[in-house]
C-alpha cells in the first residue's frame, strides 16, 4: 500500500507541527534563553499547541481528533504485536506509540510555557531548573521521534514522512 493511499494530514495538523518544530529548534539551539525573541517564540509554540488541541476536539478534524489516538495500554500492546509482524500502520492517524509521544510533546511544550512564565513572574527558584529539564526531555523525545520515523519507515517499508510533508505550492488543475 502506498502513502498516497492513506493521504496526508490536514493543513492545520501539518502547519502546527512544522511551526512548533521550527520554534522549538530556534528556542533550543539558536536564540538566547530569556531574551524577548525566546519568550515570543515560546508563547507562539504554546498558542500553536492549544490551537492543535482545540482542532482535535472538532468533528471535522477526522483522524486528527484527540480521541483517535489516545495511547491506551491495550492499543499499545496490539500495535507492538503488529510491529513484530512488520505490519505498517496504514491509516491516516497516529499509531498508539506515536500517540503517546505526541501527548508527551504537547504536555511538555505547555509545561515549558508555564515554567517560562514562572521564571519571569514568580520567585519560585526551581522553575528555571524545571524549564531546562523539560527542554532536555523534549530534545530527547524529538530525537526519538526522528529515529522512530526512520526506523519504522525502514522496518515496515512504508514512508511515513510523506503524510506530514509540507506543501509549498498549490496543485494546478489538469486541463481536460
Protein backbone atom coordinates (compact mmCIF):
# COMPACT_ATOMS: atom_id res chain seq x y z
CA UNK A 1 0.00 0.00 0.00
CA UNK A 2 1.48 3.36 -1.00
CA UNK A 3 1.46 6.50 1.10
CA UNK A 4 -0.86 8.17 -1.37
CA UNK A 5 -3.49 5.56 -0.41
CA UNK A 6 -3.79 6.97 3.11
CA UNK A 7 -3.43 10.63 2.22
CA UNK A 8 -1.79 13.35 4.21
CA UNK A 9 -2.53 15.14 7.42
CA UNK A 10 -4.75 18.20 7.06
CA UNK A 11 -3.36 21.72 6.78
CA UNK A 12 -3.93 22.58 10.46
CA UNK A 13 -2.04 19.50 11.65
CA UNK A 14 0.85 19.93 9.21
CA UNK A 15 1.14 23.68 9.85
CA UNK A 16 1.10 23.43 13.63
CA UNK A 17 3.54 20.50 13.53
CA UNK A 18 6.15 22.27 11.42
CA UNK A 19 5.77 25.67 13.09
CA UNK A 20 6.16 24.11 16.54
CA UNK A 21 9.18 22.13 15.29
CA UNK A 22 10.82 25.25 13.88
CA UNK A 23 10.05 27.25 17.03
CA UNK A 24 11.45 24.51 19.26
CA UNK A 25 14.70 24.33 17.27
CA UNK A 26 15.04 28.12 17.32
CA UNK A 27 14.46 28.36 21.06
CA UNK A 28 16.57 25.33 21.90
CA UNK A 29 19.61 25.92 19.73
CA UNK A 30 19.69 29.42 18.25
CA UNK A 31 18.30 32.26 20.35
CA UNK A 32 19.25 33.07 23.92
CA UNK A 33 17.02 31.93 26.79
CA UNK A 34 15.26 34.83 28.48
CA UNK A 35 15.59 37.16 25.52
CA UNK A 36 12.44 38.75 24.10
CA UNK A 37 12.57 36.63 20.94
CA UNK A 38 12.86 33.46 23.04
CA UNK A 39 9.79 34.44 25.05
CA UNK A 40 7.71 35.30 21.97
CA UNK A 41 8.65 32.06 20.24
CA UNK A 42 7.77 30.16 23.41
CA UNK A 43 4.34 31.78 23.63
CA UNK A 44 3.80 31.17 19.91
CA UNK A 45 4.59 27.48 20.40
CA UNK A 46 2.13 27.30 23.31
CA UNK A 47 -0.56 29.02 21.21
CA UNK A 48 0.05 26.57 18.35
CA UNK A 49 -0.24 23.60 20.72
CA UNK A 50 -3.52 24.99 22.10
CA UNK A 51 -4.76 25.53 18.53
CA UNK A 52 -3.88 21.94 17.65
CA UNK A 53 -5.61 20.63 20.78
CA UNK A 54 -8.73 22.67 20.02
CA UNK A 55 -8.65 21.43 16.42
CA UNK A 56 -8.52 17.89 17.76
CA UNK A 57 -11.79 18.44 19.61
CA UNK A 58 -13.72 19.29 16.44
CA UNK A 59 -15.52 16.57 14.48
CA UNK A 60 -14.18 17.95 11.18
CA UNK A 61 -10.60 17.12 12.20
CA UNK A 62 -11.13 13.42 11.31
CA UNK A 63 -8.07 11.31 12.13
CA UNK A 64 -6.56 14.31 13.97
CA UNK A 65 -9.26 14.09 16.64
CA UNK A 66 -7.74 13.67 20.07
CA UNK A 67 -9.81 10.61 20.89
CA UNK A 68 -8.50 8.85 17.77
CA UNK A 69 -5.04 8.27 19.17
CA UNK A 70 -5.13 8.35 22.91
CA UNK A 71 -2.45 5.82 23.95
CA UNK A 72 -4.47 3.17 25.78
CA UNK A 73 -2.29 0.29 27.05
CA UNK A 74 -4.38 -2.32 25.20
CA UNK A 75 -3.93 -0.42 21.92
CA UNK A 76 -0.17 -0.07 22.51
CA UNK A 77 0.17 -3.83 23.10
CA UNK A 78 -1.83 -4.60 19.94
CA UNK A 79 0.35 -2.19 17.98
CA UNK A 80 3.53 -3.84 19.30
CA UNK A 81 2.21 -7.17 18.00
CA UNK A 82 1.65 -5.58 14.58
CA UNK A 83 5.21 -4.23 14.62
CA UNK A 84 6.61 -7.66 15.36
CA UNK A 85 4.93 -8.78 12.14
CA UNK A 86 6.35 -5.72 10.30
CA UNK A 87 2.82 -4.56 9.57
CA UNK A 88 2.74 -0.81 8.82
CA UNK A 89 0.17 1.50 10.38
CA UNK A 90 -1.57 2.45 7.14
CA UNK A 91 -4.43 4.54 8.44
CA UNK A 92 -4.05 8.29 8.46
CA UNK A 93 -3.63 8.93 12.15
CA UNK A 94 -1.14 8.19 14.87
CA UNK A 95 -0.40 4.66 15.96
CA UNK A 96 -0.69 4.21 19.76
CA UNK A 97 3.08 4.61 20.39
CA UNK A 98 3.25 7.74 18.27
CA UNK A 99 0.15 9.00 20.05
CA UNK A 100 1.90 8.58 23.38
CA UNK A 101 4.90 10.63 22.31
CA UNK A 102 2.68 13.31 20.76
CA UNK A 103 0.83 13.70 24.08
CA UNK A 104 4.22 13.99 25.80
CA UNK A 105 5.26 16.69 23.31
CA UNK A 106 2.08 18.70 23.86
CA UNK A 107 2.20 18.46 27.63
CA UNK A 108 5.93 19.20 27.64
CA UNK A 109 5.55 22.25 25.40
CA UNK A 110 2.76 23.62 27.58
CA UNK A 111 4.90 22.87 30.64
CA UNK A 112 7.76 24.81 29.05
CA UNK A 113 5.47 27.80 28.51
CA UNK A 114 4.23 27.62 32.09
CA UNK A 115 7.69 27.33 33.62
CA UNK A 116 8.98 30.05 31.30
CA UNK A 117 6.23 32.34 32.52
CA UNK A 118 7.00 31.40 36.14
CA UNK A 119 10.69 32.24 35.68
CA UNK A 120 9.76 35.80 34.71
CA UNK A 121 6.81 36.32 37.04
CA UNK A 122 7.44 34.44 40.28
CA UNK A 123 10.20 33.93 42.81
CA UNK A 124 9.98 30.15 42.64
CA UNK A 125 13.63 29.25 42.12
CA UNK A 126 13.10 25.71 40.88
CA UNK A 127 11.28 26.94 37.76
CA UNK A 128 14.49 27.64 35.84
CA UNK A 129 15.77 24.14 36.54
CA UNK A 130 12.39 22.61 35.66
CA UNK A 131 12.28 24.63 32.43
CA UNK A 132 15.71 23.37 31.44
CA UNK A 133 14.84 19.79 32.41
CA UNK A 134 11.72 19.92 30.23
CA UNK A 135 13.81 21.28 27.35
CA UNK A 136 16.23 18.37 27.76
CA UNK A 137 13.43 15.79 27.93
CA UNK A 138 11.75 17.27 24.85
CA UNK A 139 15.05 17.25 22.98
CA UNK A 140 15.44 13.54 23.72
CA UNK A 141 11.84 12.94 22.62
CA UNK A 142 12.46 14.82 19.36
CA UNK A 143 15.50 12.66 18.65
CA UNK A 144 13.49 9.51 19.45
CA UNK A 145 10.66 10.79 17.22
CA UNK A 146 13.05 11.29 14.30
CA UNK A 147 14.76 7.93 14.87
CA UNK A 148 11.38 6.21 15.06
CA UNK A 149 10.35 7.83 11.79
CA UNK A 150 13.44 6.48 10.04
CA UNK A 151 13.45 3.05 11.71
CA UNK A 152 9.73 2.46 11.32
CA UNK A 153 9.77 3.54 7.69
CA UNK A 154 12.56 1.02 7.09
CA UNK A 155 11.06 -1.72 9.30
CA UNK A 156 7.60 -1.59 7.73
CA UNK A 157 8.78 -0.48 4.28
CA UNK A 158 6.33 2.41 4.42
CA UNK A 159 7.27 6.08 4.05
CA UNK A 160 5.55 7.80 6.97
CA UNK A 161 7.20 11.15 6.25
CA UNK A 162 5.06 11.73 3.16
CA UNK A 163 1.93 12.01 5.30
CA UNK A 164 3.36 15.08 7.05
CA UNK A 165 5.27 16.60 4.12
CA UNK A 166 4.66 20.35 3.78
CA UNK A 167 3.07 21.59 0.58
CA UNK A 168 4.67 24.75 -0.73
CA UNK A 169 2.71 25.07 -3.95
CA UNK A 170 -0.89 24.70 -4.96
CA UNK A 171 -1.78 21.89 -7.29
CA UNK A 172 -2.96 23.21 -10.61
CA UNK A 173 -5.97 21.64 -12.21
CA UNK A 174 -5.13 19.39 -15.12
CA UNK A 175 -6.52 20.54 -18.47
CA UNK A 176 -9.30 18.32 -19.81
